[in-house]
Amino acid sequence: LKAHFTNVFIKNLDENTDDEKLKQMFVQFGEIQSASIQRDETGKSKGFGFVNFVKHEDAQAAVDGLNDKEVEGRRLFVGRAQKK
């Protein structure tokens, strides 16, 4: 049984990628509840972020579609966001 998830973790993002750009990268897969880049205390991107989809199927499609793909010269890691 595969886990049902809607929250996707993305790393190795270009540091110029902002929340809106992140959302645009993933909106092709389905309706998004939120997209956010994680930043340090100075506001600089940490190079990773999260996209939360409304539906599990869309989140799965995003992982299948973008994991290990090259975007802006960087190979992305896209996977299910794990709870800490």
C-alpha atoms as a PDB file:
ATOM      1  CA  LEU A   1       0.000   0.000   0.000  1.00  0.00           C
ATOM      2  CA  LYS A   2       1.481   3.317  -1.059  1.00  0.00           C
ATOM      3  CA  ALA A   3       1.287   6.266   1.265  1.00  0.00           C
ATOM      4  CA  HIS A   4      -1.172   8.969   0.327  1.00  0.00           C
ATOM      5  CA  PHE A   5       0.578  12.296   0.387  1.00  0.00           C
ATOM      6  CA  THR A   6      -0.110  15.763  -0.933  1.00  0.00           C
ATOM      7  CA  ASN A   7       3.014  17.553   0.287  1.00  0.00           C
ATOM      8  CA  VAL A   8       6.017  17.397  -2.033  1.00  0.00           C
ATOM      9  CA  PHE A   9       9.607  18.226  -1.052  1.00  0.00           C
ATOM     10  CA  ILE A  10      11.867  19.778  -3.691  1.00  0.00           C
ATOM     11  CA  LYS A  11      15.599  20.312  -3.303  1.00  0.00           C
ATOM     12  CA  ASN A  12      18.532  21.540  -5.365  1.00  0.00           C
ATOM     13  CA  LEU A  13      16.547  24.566  -6.517  1.00  0.00           C
ATOM     14  CA  ASP A  14      18.238  27.601  -8.002  1.00  0.00           C
ATOM     15  CA  GLU A  15      18.613  30.246  -5.283  1.00  0.00           C
ATOM     16  CA  ASN A  16      16.694  32.740  -7.419  1.00  0.00           C
ATOM     17  CA  THR A  17      13.589  30.546  -7.409  1.00  0.00           C
ATOM     18  CA  ASP A  18      10.861  32.225  -5.365  1.00  0.00           C
ATOM     19  CA  ASP A  19       7.497  30.920  -4.153  1.00  0.00           C
ATOM     20  CA  GLU A  20       5.722  32.056  -7.321  1.00  0.00           C
ATOM     21  CA  LYS A  21       8.294  30.472  -9.637  1.00  0.00           C
ATOM     22  CA  LEU A  22       8.087  27.255  -7.642  1.00  0.00           C
ATOM     23  CA  LYS A  23       4.311  27.259  -7.982  1.00  0.00           C
ATOM     24  CA  GLN A  24       4.567  27.830 -11.750  1.00  0.00           C
ATOM     25  CA  MET A  25       6.872  24.811 -12.056  1.00  0.00           C
ATOM     26  CA  PHE A  26       4.304  22.533 -10.423  1.00  0.00           C
ATOM     27  CA  VAL A  27       0.893  23.937 -11.387  1.00  0.00           C
ATOM     28  CA  GLN A  28       0.896  21.795 -14.559  1.00  0.00           C
ATOM     29  CA  PHE A  29       0.311  18.741 -12.327  1.00  0.00           C
ATOM     30  CA  GLY A  30      -2.777  20.006 -10.547  1.00  0.00           C
ATOM     31  CA  GLU A  31      -4.301  22.391  -8.032  1.00  0.00           C
ATOM     32  CA  ILE A  32      -1.819  23.685  -5.451  1.00  0.00           C
ATOM     33  CA  GLN A  33      -2.691  24.724  -1.910  1.00  0.00           C
ATOM     34  CA  SER A  34       0.687  26.263  -1.175  1.00  0.00           C
ATOM     35  CA  ALA A  35       4.213  26.558  -2.504  1.00  0.00           C
ATOM     36  CA  SER A  36       7.040  27.865  -0.365  1.00  0.00           C
ATOM     37  CA  ILE A  37      10.790  28.188  -0.559  1.00  0.00           C
ATOM     38  CA  GLN A  38      12.626  27.738   2.723  1.00  0.00           C
ATOM     39  CA  ARG A  39      14.831  30.710   3.604  1.00  0.00           C
ATOM     40  CA  ASP A  40      17.507  31.519   6.158  1.00  0.00           C
ATOM     41  CA  GLU A  41      17.298  34.445   8.574  1.00  0.00           C
ATOM     42  CA  THR A  42      18.685  36.833   5.938  1.00  0.00           C
ATOM     43  CA  GLY A  43      15.962  35.831   3.474  1.00  0.00           C
ATOM     44  CA  LYS A  44      18.340  33.899   1.222  1.00  0.00           C
ATOM     45  CA  SER A  45      16.923  30.724  -0.314  1.00  0.00           C
ATOM     46  CA  LYS A  46      18.159  27.480   1.250  1.00  0.00           C
ATOM     47  CA  GLY A  47      17.670  25.804  -2.130  1.00  0.00           C
ATOM     48  CA  PHE A  48      14.693  23.704  -1.147  1.00  0.00           C
ATOM     49  CA  GLY A  49      10.991  24.067  -0.683  1.00  0.00           C
ATOM     50  CA  PHE A  50       7.605  22.435  -0.481  1.00  0.00           C
ATOM     51  CA  VAL A  51       4.559  22.296  -2.709  1.00  0.00           C
ATOM     52  CA  ASN A  52       1.304  21.136  -1.177  1.00  0.00           C
ATOM     53  CA  PHE A  53      -1.250  19.779  -3.629  1.00  0.00           C
ATOM     54  CA  VAL A  54      -4.975  19.407  -3.088  1.00  0.00           C
ATOM     55  CA  LYS A  55      -4.995  15.836  -4.437  1.00  0.00           C
ATOM     56  CA  HIS A  56      -2.613  12.946  -3.809  1.00  0.00           C
ATOM     57  CA  GLU A  57      -2.704  11.928  -7.483  1.00  0.00           C
ATOM     58  CA  ASP A  58      -1.409  15.350  -8.508  1.00  0.00           C
ATOM     59  CA  ALA A  59       1.387  15.202  -5.950  1.00  0.00           C
ATOM     60  CA  GLN A  60       2.367  11.756  -7.236  1.00  0.00           C
ATOM     61  CA  ALA A  61       2.307  13.030 -10.820  1.00  0.00           C
ATOM     62  CA  ALA A  62       4.603  15.909  -9.837  1.00  0.00           C
ATOM     63  CA  VAL A  63       7.098  13.513  -8.258  1.00  0.00           C
ATOM     64  CA  ASP A  64       6.974  11.245 -11.318  1.00  0.00           C
ATOM     65  CA  GLY A  65       7.223  14.197 -13.686  1.00  0.00           C
ATOM     66  CA  LEU A  66       9.923  16.340 -12.117  1.00  0.00           C
ATOM     67  CA  ASN A  67      12.129  14.142  -9.943  1.00  0.00           C
ATOM     68  CA  ASP A  68      15.647  13.942 -11.418  1.00  0.00           C
ATOM     69  CA  LYS A  69      14.790  16.503 -14.112  1.00  0.00           C
ATOM     70  CA  GLU A  70      17.144  19.333 -14.916  1.00  0.00           C
ATOM     71  CA  VAL A  71      15.777  22.820 -14.274  1.00  0.00           C
ATOM     72  CA  GLU A  72      18.007  25.877 -14.736  1.00  0.00           C
ATOM     73  CA  GLY A  73      21.071  23.647 -14.924  1.00  0.00           C
ATOM     74  CA  ARG A  74      20.329  21.813 -11.672  1.00  0.00           C
ATOM     75  CA  ARG A  75      19.049  18.280 -11.282  1.00  0.00           C
ATOM     76  CA  LEU A  76      16.017  18.449  -9.014  1.00  0.00           C
ATOM     77  CA  PHE A  77      15.096  16.043  -6.283  1.00  0.00           C
ATOM     78  CA  VAL A  78      11.311  15.857  -5.949  1.00  0.00           C
ATOM     79  CA  GLY A  79       9.761  13.472  -3.468  1.00  0.00           C
ATOM     80  CA  ARG A  80       7.186  12.979  -0.781  1.00  0.00           C
ATOM     81  CA  ALA A  81       7.766  15.362   2.108  1.00  0.00           C
ATOM     82  CA  GLN A  82       8.569  13.297   5.194  1.00  0.00           C
ATOM     83  CA  LYS A  83       7.436  14.389   8.622  1.00  0.00           C
ATOM     84  CA  LYS A  84      10.402  15.213  10.842  1.00  0.00           C
END
